[in-house]
Amino acid sequence: WLHELLPLHLRRFLLVTAGVDESVPALRSVLAPARGLVV
């Protein structure tokens, strides 16, 4: 469902977390093929 909120053109992202959990890999797969950092 996240695609409904993402910009039309997605090349680079910054994923902000507060203590990394198991959702991060799933989120990165949804954001692919865009590249970015997890902070």
Full PDB file with SEQRES, HELIX, SHEET, SSBOND, CRYST1, ORIGX, SCALE, CONECT and MASTER records, all heavy atoms in Angstrom:
SEQRES   1 A   39  TRP LEU HIS GLU LEU LEU PRO LEU HIS LEU ARG ARG PHE          
SEQRES   2 A   39  LEU LEU VAL THR ALA GLY VAL ASP GLU SER VAL PRO ALA          
SEQRES   3 A   39  LEU ARG SER VAL LEU ALA PRO ALA ARG GLY LEU VAL VAL          
HELIX    1 AA1 LEU A    2  GLU A    4  5                                   3    
HELIX    2 AA2 SER A   23  LEU A   31  1                                   9    
SHEET    1 AA1 2 ARG A  12  LEU A  15  0                                        
SHEET    2 AA1 2 ARG A  35  VAL A  38  1                                        
CRYST1    1.000    1.000    1.000  90.00  90.00  90.00 P 1           1          
ORIGX1      1.000000  0.000000  0.000000        0.00000                         
ORIGX2      0.000000  1.000000  0.000000        0.00000                         
ORIGX3      0.000000  0.000000  1.000000        0.00000                         
SCALE1      1.000000  0.000000  0.000000        0.00000                         
SCALE2      0.000000  1.000000  0.000000        0.00000                         
SCALE3      0.000000  0.000000  1.000000        0.00000                         
ATOM      1  N   TRP A   1       0.815  -1.215   0.000  1.00  0.00           N  
ATOM      2  CA  TRP A   1       0.000   0.000   0.000  1.00  0.00           C  
ATOM      3  C   TRP A   1       0.850   1.268   0.000  1.00  0.00           C  
ATOM      4  O   TRP A   1       0.375   2.356  -0.293  1.00  0.00           O  
ATOM      5  CB  TRP A   1      -0.913   0.014   1.230  1.00  0.00           C  
ATOM      6  CG  TRP A   1      -0.164  -0.236   2.508  1.00  0.00           C  
ATOM      7  CD1 TRP A   1       0.030  -1.439   3.118  1.00  0.00           C  
ATOM      8  CD2 TRP A   1       0.521   0.732   3.308  1.00  0.00           C  
ATOM      9  NE1 TRP A   1       0.793  -1.283   4.249  1.00  0.00           N  
ATOM     10  CE2 TRP A   1       1.102   0.034   4.389  1.00  0.00           C  
ATOM     11  CE3 TRP A   1       0.690   2.115   3.208  1.00  0.00           C  
ATOM     12  CZ2 TRP A   1       1.842   0.684   5.379  1.00  0.00           C  
ATOM     13  CZ3 TRP A   1       1.430   2.760   4.191  1.00  0.00           C  
ATOM     14  CH2 TRP A   1       2.003   2.048   5.262  1.00  0.00           C  
ATOM     15  N   LEU A   2       2.127   1.129   0.324  1.00  0.00           N  
ATOM     16  CA  LEU A   2       2.999   2.287   0.434  1.00  0.00           C  
ATOM     17  C   LEU A   2       3.146   3.041  -0.885  1.00  0.00           C  
ATOM     18  O   LEU A   2       3.385   4.248  -0.905  1.00  0.00           O  
ATOM     19  CB  LEU A   2       4.378   1.825   0.934  1.00  0.00           C  
ATOM     20  CG  LEU A   2       5.345   2.892   1.431  1.00  0.00           C  
ATOM     21  CD1 LEU A   2       4.762   3.681   2.583  1.00  0.00           C  
ATOM     22  CD2 LEU A   2       6.655   2.219   1.857  1.00  0.00           C  
ATOM     23  N   HIS A   3       2.965   2.340  -2.007  1.00  0.00           N  
ATOM     24  CA  HIS A   3       3.110   2.983  -3.314  1.00  0.00           C  
ATOM     25  C   HIS A   3       2.116   4.127  -3.493  1.00  0.00           C  
ATOM     26  O   HIS A   3       2.369   5.038  -4.290  1.00  0.00           O  
ATOM     27  CB  HIS A   3       2.939   1.945  -4.427  1.00  0.00           C  
ATOM     28  CG  HIS A   3       4.093   0.993  -4.539  1.00  0.00           C  
ATOM     29  ND1 HIS A   3       5.336   1.384  -4.995  1.00  0.00           N  
ATOM     30  CD2 HIS A   3       4.199  -0.330  -4.233  1.00  0.00           C  
ATOM     31  CE1 HIS A   3       6.156   0.349  -4.979  1.00  0.00           C  
ATOM     32  NE2 HIS A   3       5.494  -0.704  -4.525  1.00  0.00           N  
ATOM     33  N   GLU A   4       1.002   4.096  -2.769  1.00  0.00           N  
ATOM     34  CA  GLU A   4       0.015   5.172  -2.869  1.00  0.00           C  
ATOM     35  C   GLU A   4       0.555   6.495  -2.343  1.00  0.00           C  
ATOM     36  O   GLU A   4       0.043   7.561  -2.693  1.00  0.00           O  
ATOM     37  CB  GLU A   4      -1.250   4.800  -2.080  1.00  0.00           C  
ATOM     38  CG  GLU A   4      -1.940   3.548  -2.582  1.00  0.00           C  
ATOM     39  CD  GLU A   4      -3.098   3.156  -1.683  1.00  0.00           C  
ATOM     40  OE1 GLU A   4      -3.676   4.055  -1.023  1.00  0.00           O  
ATOM     41  OE2 GLU A   4      -3.437   1.962  -1.636  1.00  0.00           O  
ATOM     42  N   LEU A   5       1.588   6.444  -1.512  1.00  0.00           N  
ATOM     43  CA  LEU A   5       2.130   7.643  -0.884  1.00  0.00           C  
ATOM     44  C   LEU A   5       3.475   8.073  -1.472  1.00  0.00           C  
ATOM     45  O   LEU A   5       3.900   9.213  -1.268  1.00  0.00           O  
ATOM     46  CB  LEU A   5       2.301   7.413   0.623  1.00  0.00           C  
ATOM     47  CG  LEU A   5       1.039   7.038   1.396  1.00  0.00           C  
ATOM     48  CD1 LEU A   5       1.388   6.727   2.850  1.00  0.00           C  
ATOM     49  CD2 LEU A   5       0.007   8.153   1.329  1.00  0.00           C  
ATOM     50  N   LEU A   6       4.121   7.188  -2.191  1.00  0.00           N  
ATOM     51  CA  LEU A   6       5.454   7.488  -2.716  1.00  0.00           C  
ATOM     52  C   LEU A   6       5.378   8.424  -3.914  1.00  0.00           C  
ATOM     53  O   LEU A   6       4.369   8.467  -4.620  1.00  0.00           O  
ATOM     54  CB  LEU A   6       6.153   6.193  -3.120  1.00  0.00           C  
ATOM     55  CG  LEU A   6       6.463   5.203  -1.987  1.00  0.00           C  
ATOM     56  CD1 LEU A   6       7.028   3.906  -2.559  1.00  0.00           C  
ATOM     57  CD2 LEU A   6       7.423   5.816  -0.981  1.00  0.00           C  
ATOM     58  N   PRO A   7       6.444   9.172  -4.173  1.00  0.00           N  
ATOM     59  CA  PRO A   7       6.461  10.027  -5.363  1.00  0.00           C  
ATOM     60  C   PRO A   7       6.476   9.196  -6.641  1.00  0.00           C  
ATOM     61  O   PRO A   7       6.865   8.019  -6.638  1.00  0.00           O  
ATOM     62  CB  PRO A   7       7.761  10.828  -5.197  1.00  0.00           C  
ATOM     63  CG  PRO A   7       8.623   9.987  -4.317  1.00  0.00           C  
ATOM     64  CD  PRO A   7       7.685   9.277  -3.390  1.00  0.00           C  
ATOM     65  N   LEU A   8       6.057   9.822  -7.721  1.00  0.00           N  
ATOM     66  CA  LEU A   8       5.970   9.120  -9.008  1.00  0.00           C  
ATOM     67  C   LEU A   8       7.337   8.641  -9.467  1.00  0.00           C  
ATOM     68  O   LEU A   8       7.495   7.519  -9.948  1.00  0.00           O  
ATOM     69  CB  LEU A   8       5.339  10.040 -10.062  1.00  0.00           C  
ATOM     70  CG  LEU A   8       5.105   9.435 -11.444  1.00  0.00           C  
ATOM     71  CD1 LEU A   8       4.166   8.238 -11.356  1.00  0.00           C  
ATOM     72  CD2 LEU A   8       4.551  10.488 -12.395  1.00  0.00           C  
ATOM     73  N   HIS A   9       8.340   9.488  -9.332  1.00  0.00           N  
ATOM     74  CA  HIS A   9       9.706   9.141  -9.735  1.00  0.00           C  
ATOM     75  C   HIS A   9      10.536   8.914  -8.476  1.00  0.00           C  
ATOM     76  O   HIS A   9      10.743   9.830  -7.682  1.00  0.00           O  
ATOM     77  CB  HIS A   9      10.323  10.250 -10.589  1.00  0.00           C  
ATOM     78  CG  HIS A   9       9.521  10.554 -11.824  1.00  0.00           C  
ATOM     79  ND1 HIS A   9       9.429   9.670 -12.876  1.00  0.00           N  
ATOM     80  CD2 HIS A   9       8.769  11.633 -12.147  1.00  0.00           C  
ATOM     81  CE1 HIS A   9       8.656  10.198 -13.812  1.00  0.00           C  
ATOM     82  NE2 HIS A   9       8.240  11.383 -13.392  1.00  0.00           N  
ATOM     83  N   LEU A  10      10.988   7.689  -8.298  1.00  0.00           N  
ATOM     84  CA  LEU A  10      11.721   7.315  -7.090  1.00  0.00           C  
ATOM     85  C   LEU A  10      13.050   6.694  -7.469  1.00  0.00           C  
ATOM     86  O   LEU A  10      13.112   5.575  -7.971  1.00  0.00           O  
ATOM     87  CB  LEU A  10      10.879   6.337  -6.260  1.00  0.00           C  
ATOM     88  CG  LEU A  10      11.507   5.803  -4.965  1.00  0.00           C  
ATOM     89  CD1 LEU A  10      11.937   6.936  -4.051  1.00  0.00           C  
ATOM     90  CD2 LEU A  10      10.521   4.885  -4.253  1.00  0.00           C  
ATOM     91  N   ARG A  11      14.095   7.464  -7.238  1.00  0.00           N  
ATOM     92  CA  ARG A  11      15.436   6.983  -7.556  1.00  0.00           C  
ATOM     93  C   ARG A  11      16.307   6.830  -6.303  1.00  0.00           C  
ATOM     94  O   ARG A  11      17.086   5.915  -6.192  1.00  0.00           O  
ATOM     95  CB  ARG A  11      16.113   7.945  -8.538  1.00  0.00           C  
ATOM     96  CG  ARG A  11      15.423   8.024  -9.890  1.00  0.00           C  
ATOM     97  CD  ARG A  11      15.955   9.168 -10.729  1.00  0.00           C  
ATOM     98  NE  ARG A  11      15.664  10.459 -10.111  1.00  0.00           N  
ATOM     99  CZ  ARG A  11      14.533  11.152 -10.308  1.00  0.00           C  
ATOM    100  NH1 ARG A  11      13.597  10.663 -11.103  1.00  0.00           N  
ATOM    101  NH2 ARG A  11      14.340  12.302  -9.704  1.00  0.00           N  
ATOM    102  N   ARG A  12      16.159   7.800  -5.373  1.00  0.00           N  
ATOM    103  CA  ARG A  12      16.955   7.789  -4.149  1.00  0.00           C  
ATOM    104  C   ARG A  12      16.035   7.957  -2.946  1.00  0.00           C  
ATOM    105  O   ARG A  12      15.088   8.735  -2.998  1.00  0.00           O  
ATOM    106  CB  ARG A  12      17.970   8.923  -4.156  1.00  0.00           C  
ATOM    107  CG  ARG A  12      19.003   8.849  -5.275  1.00  0.00           C  
ATOM    108  CD  ARG A  12      20.069   7.811  -4.997  1.00  0.00           C  
ATOM    109  NE  ARG A  12      20.813   8.080  -3.770  1.00  0.00           N  
ATOM    110  CZ  ARG A  12      21.772   7.281  -3.282  1.00  0.00           C  
ATOM    111  NH1 ARG A  12      22.076   6.168  -3.922  1.00  0.00           N  
ATOM    112  NH2 ARG A  12      22.406   7.595  -2.178  1.00  0.00           N  
ATOM    113  N   PHE A  13      16.322   7.228  -1.867  1.00  0.00           N  
ATOM    114  CA  PHE A  13      15.497   7.331  -0.665  1.00  0.00           C  
ATOM    115  C   PHE A  13      16.376   7.427   0.578  1.00  0.00           C  
ATOM    116  O   PHE A  13      17.553   7.040   0.570  1.00  0.00           O  
ATOM    117  CB  PHE A  13      14.552   6.129  -0.531  1.00  0.00           C  
ATOM    118  CG  PHE A  13      15.241   4.817  -0.263  1.00  0.00           C  
ATOM    119  CD1 PHE A  13      15.603   4.440   1.029  1.00  0.00           C  
ATOM    120  CD2 PHE A  13      15.529   3.947  -1.308  1.00  0.00           C  
ATOM    121  CE1 PHE A  13      16.247   3.235   1.271  1.00  0.00           C  
ATOM    122  CE2 PHE A  13      16.167   2.733  -1.074  1.00  0.00           C  
ATOM    123  CZ  PHE A  13      16.531   2.380   0.221  1.00  0.00           C  
ATOM    124  N   LEU A  14      15.776   7.921   1.643  1.00  0.00           N  
ATOM    125  CA  LEU A  14      16.375   7.876   2.972  1.00  0.00           C  
ATOM    126  C   LEU A  14      15.319   7.276   3.900  1.00  0.00           C  
ATOM    127  O   LEU A  14      14.224   7.839   4.047  1.00  0.00           O  
ATOM    128  CB  LEU A  14      16.775   9.271   3.457  1.00  0.00           C  
ATOM    129  CG  LEU A  14      17.493   9.281   4.816  1.00  0.00           C  
ATOM    130  CD1 LEU A  14      18.915   8.744   4.661  1.00  0.00           C  
ATOM    131  CD2 LEU A  14      17.525  10.687   5.411  1.00  0.00           C  
ATOM    132  N   LEU A  15      15.627   6.139   4.488  1.00  0.00           N  
ATOM    133  CA  LEU A  15      14.709   5.448   5.384  1.00  0.00           C  
ATOM    134  C   LEU A  15      15.120   5.732   6.821  1.00  0.00           C  
ATOM    135  O   LEU A  15      16.215   5.364   7.246  1.00  0.00           O  
ATOM    136  CB  LEU A  15      14.731   3.943   5.096  1.00  0.00           C  
ATOM    137  CG  LEU A  15      13.890   3.039   5.994  1.00  0.00           C  
ATOM    138  CD1 LEU A  15      12.432   3.480   6.021  1.00  0.00           C  
ATOM    139  CD2 LEU A  15      14.010   1.586   5.527  1.00  0.00           C  
ATOM    140  N   VAL A  16      14.250   6.410   7.552  1.00  0.00           N  
ATOM    141  CA  VAL A  16      14.539   6.821   8.926  1.00  0.00           C  
ATOM    142  C   VAL A  16      13.931   5.805   9.885  1.00  0.00           C  
ATOM    143  O   VAL A  16      12.726   5.544   9.849  1.00  0.00           O  
ATOM    144  CB  VAL A  16      13.960   8.222   9.210  1.00  0.00           C  
ATOM    145  CG1 VAL A  16      14.221   8.630  10.664  1.00  0.00           C  
ATOM    146  CG2 VAL A  16      14.562   9.250   8.256  1.00  0.00           C  
ATOM    147  N   THR A  17      14.768   5.233  10.750  1.00  0.00           N  
ATOM    148  CA  THR A  17      14.301   4.275  11.746  1.00  0.00           C  
ATOM    149  C   THR A  17      14.678   4.767  13.135  1.00  0.00           C  
ATOM    150  O   THR A  17      15.496   5.669  13.310  1.00  0.00           O  
ATOM    151  CB  THR A  17      14.907   2.883  11.517  1.00  0.00           C  
ATOM    152  OG1 THR A  17      16.306   2.920  11.844  1.00  0.00           O  
ATOM    153  CG2 THR A  17      14.728   2.431  10.080  1.00  0.00           C  
ATOM    154  N   ALA A  18      14.073   4.127  14.144  1.00  0.00           N  
ATOM    155  CA  ALA A  18      14.422   4.393  15.543  1.00  0.00           C  
ATOM    156  C   ALA A  18      14.649   3.047  16.217  1.00  0.00           C  
ATOM    157  O   ALA A  18      13.830   2.564  16.981  1.00  0.00           O  
ATOM    158  CB  ALA A  18      13.316   5.181  16.230  1.00  0.00           C  
ATOM    159  N   GLY A  19      15.772   2.440  15.887  1.00  0.00           N  
ATOM    160  CA  GLY A  19      16.018   1.070  16.327  1.00  0.00           C  
ATOM    161  C   GLY A  19      15.571   0.140  15.217  1.00  0.00           C  
ATOM    162  O   GLY A  19      14.385   0.007  14.942  1.00  0.00           O  
ATOM    163  N   VAL A  20      16.501  -0.463  14.525  1.00  0.00           N  
ATOM    164  CA  VAL A  20      16.188  -1.252  13.331  1.00  0.00           C  
ATOM    165  C   VAL A  20      15.424  -2.509  13.720  1.00  0.00           C  
ATOM    166  O   VAL A  20      15.711  -3.150  14.724  1.00  0.00           O  
ATOM    167  CB  VAL A  20      17.487  -1.633  12.590  1.00  0.00           C  
ATOM    168  CG1 VAL A  20      17.162  -2.418  11.340  1.00  0.00           C  
ATOM    169  CG2 VAL A  20      18.261  -0.381  12.241  1.00  0.00           C  
ATOM    170  N   ASP A  21      14.409  -2.864  12.936  1.00  0.00           N  
ATOM    171  CA  ASP A  21      13.670  -4.097  13.184  1.00  0.00           C  
ATOM    172  C   ASP A  21      13.515  -4.876  11.886  1.00  0.00           C  
ATOM    173  O   ASP A  21      14.067  -4.519  10.845  1.00  0.00           O  
ATOM    174  CB  ASP A  21      12.311  -3.821  13.842  1.00  0.00           C  
ATOM    175  CG  ASP A  21      11.402  -2.970  12.979  1.00  0.00           C  
ATOM    176  OD1 ASP A  21      11.471  -3.086  11.739  1.00  0.00           O  
ATOM    177  OD2 ASP A  21      10.626  -2.179  13.539  1.00  0.00           O  
ATOM    178  N   GLU A  22      12.716  -5.952  11.946  1.00  0.00           N  
ATOM    179  CA  GLU A  22      12.612  -6.855  10.806  1.00  0.00           C  
ATOM    180  C   GLU A  22      11.849  -6.273   9.627  1.00  0.00           C  
ATOM    181  O   GLU A  22      11.830  -6.865   8.554  1.00  0.00           O  
ATOM    182  CB  GLU A  22      11.967  -8.177  11.232  1.00  0.00           C  
ATOM    183  CG  GLU A  22      10.495  -8.095  11.594  1.00  0.00           C  
ATOM    184  CD  GLU A  22      10.232  -7.645  13.025  1.00  0.00           C  
ATOM    185  OE1 GLU A  22      11.191  -7.204  13.696  1.00  0.00           O  
ATOM    186  OE2 GLU A  22       9.071  -7.717  13.457  1.00  0.00           O  
ATOM    187  N   SER A  23      11.202  -5.105   9.792  1.00  0.00           N  
ATOM    188  CA  SER A  23      10.451  -4.512   8.685  1.00  0.00           C  
ATOM    189  C   SER A  23      11.354  -3.853   7.652  1.00  0.00           C  
ATOM    190  O   SER A  23      10.933  -3.618   6.517  1.00  0.00           O  
ATOM    191  CB  SER A  23       9.445  -3.478   9.214  1.00  0.00           C  
ATOM    192  OG  SER A  23      10.124  -2.358   9.767  1.00  0.00           O  
ATOM    193  N   VAL A  24      12.588  -3.552   8.019  1.00  0.00           N  
ATOM    194  CA  VAL A  24      13.469  -2.796   7.120  1.00  0.00           C  
ATOM    195  C   VAL A  24      13.732  -3.526   5.803  1.00  0.00           C  
ATOM    196  O   VAL A  24      13.606  -2.924   4.727  1.00  0.00           O  
ATOM    197  CB  VAL A  24      14.781  -2.417   7.829  1.00  0.00           C  
ATOM    198  CG1 VAL A  24      15.784  -1.821   6.843  1.00  0.00           C  
ATOM    199  CG2 VAL A  24      14.505  -1.421   8.952  1.00  0.00           C  
ATOM    200  N   PRO A  25      14.084  -4.807   5.790  1.00  0.00           N  
ATOM    201  CA  PRO A  25      14.286  -5.484   4.500  1.00  0.00           C  
ATOM    202  C   PRO A  25      13.032  -5.460   3.631  1.00  0.00           C  
ATOM    203  O   PRO A  25      13.126  -5.285   2.406  1.00  0.00           O  
ATOM    204  CB  PRO A  25      14.666  -6.911   4.906  1.00  0.00           C  
ATOM    205  CG  PRO A  25      15.252  -6.784   6.267  1.00  0.00           C  
ATOM    206  CD  PRO A  25      14.459  -5.703   6.924  1.00  0.00           C  
ATOM    207  N   ALA A  26      11.853  -5.640   4.247  1.00  0.00           N  
ATOM    208  CA  ALA A  26      10.612  -5.603   3.468  1.00  0.00           C  
ATOM    209  C   ALA A  26      10.394  -4.224   2.866  1.00  0.00           C  
ATOM    210  O   ALA A  26       9.987  -4.094   1.707  1.00  0.00           O  
ATOM    211  CB  ALA A  26       9.426  -5.987   4.349  1.00  0.00           C  
ATOM    212  N   LEU A  27      10.672  -3.190   3.631  1.00  0.00           N  
ATOM    213  CA  LEU A  27      10.524  -1.827   3.117  1.00  0.00           C  
ATOM    214  C   LEU A  27      11.491  -1.572   1.971  1.00  0.00           C  
ATOM    215  O   LEU A  27      11.131  -0.959   0.961  1.00  0.00           O  
ATOM    216  CB  LEU A  27      10.767  -0.814   4.242  1.00  0.00           C  
ATOM    217  CG  LEU A  27       9.615  -0.640   5.229  1.00  0.00           C  
ATOM    218  CD1 LEU A  27      10.098   0.084   6.485  1.00  0.00           C  
ATOM    219  CD2 LEU A  27       8.483   0.138   4.585  1.00  0.00           C  
ATOM    220  N   ARG A  28      12.711  -2.029   2.108  1.00  0.00           N  
ATOM    221  CA  ARG A  28      13.686  -1.830   1.043  1.00  0.00           C  
ATOM    222  C   ARG A  28      13.277  -2.556  -0.239  1.00  0.00           C  
ATOM    223  O   ARG A  28      13.524  -2.064  -1.336  1.00  0.00           O  
ATOM    224  CB  ARG A  28      15.071  -2.289   1.508  1.00  0.00           C  
ATOM    225  CG  ARG A  28      15.660  -1.389   2.583  1.00  0.00           C  
ATOM    226  CD  ARG A  28      17.106  -1.671   2.844  1.00  0.00           C  
ATOM    227  NE  ARG A  28      17.923  -1.449   1.654  1.00  0.00           N  
ATOM    228  CZ  ARG A  28      19.243  -1.309   1.683  1.00  0.00           C  
ATOM    229  NH1 ARG A  28      19.893  -1.373   2.831  1.00  0.00           N  
ATOM    230  NH2 ARG A  28      19.909  -1.127   0.579  1.00  0.00           N  
ATOM    231  N   SER A  29      12.635  -3.705  -0.089  1.00  0.00           N  
ATOM    232  CA  SER A  29      12.186  -4.420  -1.280  1.00  0.00           C  
ATOM    233  C   SER A  29      11.077  -3.656  -1.992  1.00  0.00           C  
ATOM    234  O   SER A  29      10.991  -3.665  -3.228  1.00  0.00           O  
ATOM    235  CB  SER A  29      11.722  -5.829  -0.914  1.00  0.00           C  
ATOM    236  OG  SER A  29      10.513  -5.791  -0.172  1.00  0.00           O  
ATOM    237  N   VAL A  30      10.212  -2.981  -1.226  1.00  0.00           N  
ATOM    238  CA  VAL A  30       9.151  -2.178  -1.832  1.00  0.00           C  
ATOM    239  C   VAL A  30       9.738  -0.954  -2.529  1.00  0.00           C  
ATOM    240  O   VAL A  30       9.255  -0.528  -3.584  1.00  0.00           O  
ATOM    241  CB  VAL A  30       8.123  -1.750  -0.765  1.00  0.00           C  
ATOM    242  CG1 VAL A  30       7.121  -0.750  -1.327  1.00  0.00           C  
ATOM    243  CG2 VAL A  30       7.381  -2.963  -0.226  1.00  0.00           C  
ATOM    244  N   LEU A  31      10.792  -0.395  -1.963  1.00  0.00           N  
ATOM    245  CA  LEU A  31      11.415   0.801  -2.539  1.00  0.00           C  
ATOM    246  C   LEU A  31      12.300   0.479  -3.745  1.00  0.00           C  
ATOM    247  O   LEU A  31      12.646   1.378  -4.511  1.00  0.00           O  
ATOM    248  CB  LEU A  31      12.249   1.513  -1.476  1.00  0.00           C  
ATOM    249  CG  LEU A  31      11.458   2.077  -0.283  1.00  0.00           C  
ATOM    250  CD1 LEU A  31      12.416   2.529   0.816  1.00  0.00           C  
ATOM    251  CD2 LEU A  31      10.567   3.230  -0.723  1.00  0.00           C  
ATOM    252  N   ALA A  32      12.689  -0.782  -3.913  1.00  0.00           N  
ATOM    253  CA  ALA A  32      13.545  -1.169  -5.038  1.00  0.00           C  
ATOM    254  C   ALA A  32      12.840  -0.860  -6.369  1.00  0.00           C  
ATOM    255  O   ALA A  32      11.614  -0.899  -6.452  1.00  0.00           O  
ATOM    256  CB  ALA A  32      13.876  -2.653  -4.943  1.00  0.00           C  
ATOM    257  N   PRO A  33      13.630  -0.515  -7.396  1.00  0.00           N  
ATOM    258  CA  PRO A  33      15.091  -0.549  -7.503  1.00  0.00           C  
ATOM    259  C   PRO A  33      15.782   0.736  -7.045  1.00  0.00           C  
ATOM    260  O   PRO A  33      16.970   0.923  -7.307  1.00  0.00           O  
ATOM    261  CB  PRO A  33      15.315  -0.761  -9.004  1.00  0.00           C  
ATOM    262  CG  PRO A  33      14.171  -0.016  -9.633  1.00  0.00           C  
ATOM    263  CD  PRO A  33      12.997  -0.218  -8.703  1.00  0.00           C  
ATOM    264  N   ALA A  34      15.037   1.632  -6.389  1.00  0.00           N  
ATOM    265  CA  ALA A  34      15.658   2.853  -5.880  1.00  0.00           C  
ATOM    266  C   ALA A  34      16.773   2.495  -4.899  1.00  0.00           C  
ATOM    267  O   ALA A  34      16.728   1.456  -4.230  1.00  0.00           O  
ATOM    268  CB  ALA A  34      14.617   3.736  -5.208  1.00  0.00           C  
ATOM    269  N   ARG A  35      17.747   3.364  -4.791  1.00  0.00           N  
ATOM    270  CA  ARG A  35      18.868   3.152  -3.889  1.00  0.00           C  
ATOM    271  C   ARG A  35      18.823   4.202  -2.789  1.00  0.00           C  
ATOM    272  O   ARG A  35      18.293   5.294  -2.987  1.00  0.00           O  
ATOM    273  CB  ARG A  35      20.188   3.221  -4.657  1.00  0.00           C  
ATOM    274  CG  ARG A  35      20.273   2.236  -5.806  1.00  0.00           C  
ATOM    275  CD  ARG A  35      21.604   2.337  -6.514  1.00  0.00           C  
ATOM    276  NE  ARG A  35      22.709   1.947  -5.652  1.00  0.00           N  
ATOM    277  CZ  ARG A  35      23.989   2.010  -6.007  1.00  0.00           C  
ATOM    278  NH1 ARG A  35      24.322   2.458  -7.206  1.00  0.00           N  
ATOM    279  NH2 ARG A  35      24.942   1.633  -5.168  1.00  0.00           N  
ATOM    280  N   GLY A  36      19.399   3.848  -1.637  1.00  0.00           N  
ATOM    281  CA  GLY A  36      19.381   4.823  -0.564  1.00  0.00           C  
ATOM    282  C   GLY A  36      20.041   4.329   0.702  1.00  0.00           C  
ATOM    283  O   GLY A  36      20.696   3.281   0.721  1.00  0.00           O  
ATOM    284  N   LEU A  37      19.825   5.088   1.767  1.00  0.00           N  
ATOM    285  CA  LEU A  37      20.410   4.793   3.060  1.00  0.00           C  
ATOM    286  C   LEU A  37      19.323   4.500   4.087  1.00  0.00           C  
ATOM    287  O   LEU A  37      18.206   5.009   3.988  1.00  0.00           O  
ATOM    288  CB  LEU A  37      21.239   5.984   3.563  1.00  0.00           C  
ATOM    289  CG  LEU A  37      22.569   6.294   2.891  1.00  0.00           C  
ATOM    290  CD1 LEU A  37      23.171   7.553   3.523  1.00  0.00           C  
ATOM    291  CD2 LEU A  37      23.529   5.127   3.033  1.00  0.00           C  
ATOM    292  N   VAL A  38      19.699   3.696   5.078  1.00  0.00           N  
ATOM    293  CA  VAL A  38      18.858   3.487   6.251  1.00  0.00           C  
ATOM    294  C   VAL A  38      19.582   4.135   7.431  1.00  0.00           C  
ATOM    295  O   VAL A  38      20.751   3.809   7.692  1.00  0.00           O  
ATOM    296  CB  VAL A  38      18.641   1.992   6.530  1.00  0.00           C  
ATOM    297  CG1 VAL A  38      17.754   1.802   7.768  1.00  0.00           C  
ATOM    298  CG2 VAL A  38      18.026   1.309   5.318  1.00  0.00           C  
ATOM    299  N   VAL A  39      18.917   5.040   8.117  1.00  0.00           N  
ATOM    300  CA  VAL A  39      19.539   5.723   9.251  1.00  0.00           C  
ATOM    301  C   VAL A  39      18.747   5.442  10.519  1.00  0.00           C  
ATOM    302  O   VAL A  39      17.543   5.206  10.483  1.00  0.00           O  
ATOM    303  CB  VAL A  39      19.638   7.252   9.024  1.00  0.00           C  
ATOM    304  CG1 VAL A  39      20.497   7.556   7.803  1.00  0.00           C  
ATOM    305  CG2 VAL A  39      18.264   7.887   8.889  1.00  0.00           C  
TER     306      VAL A  39                                                      
MASTER        0    0    0    2    2    0    0    6  305    1    0    3          
END                                                                             
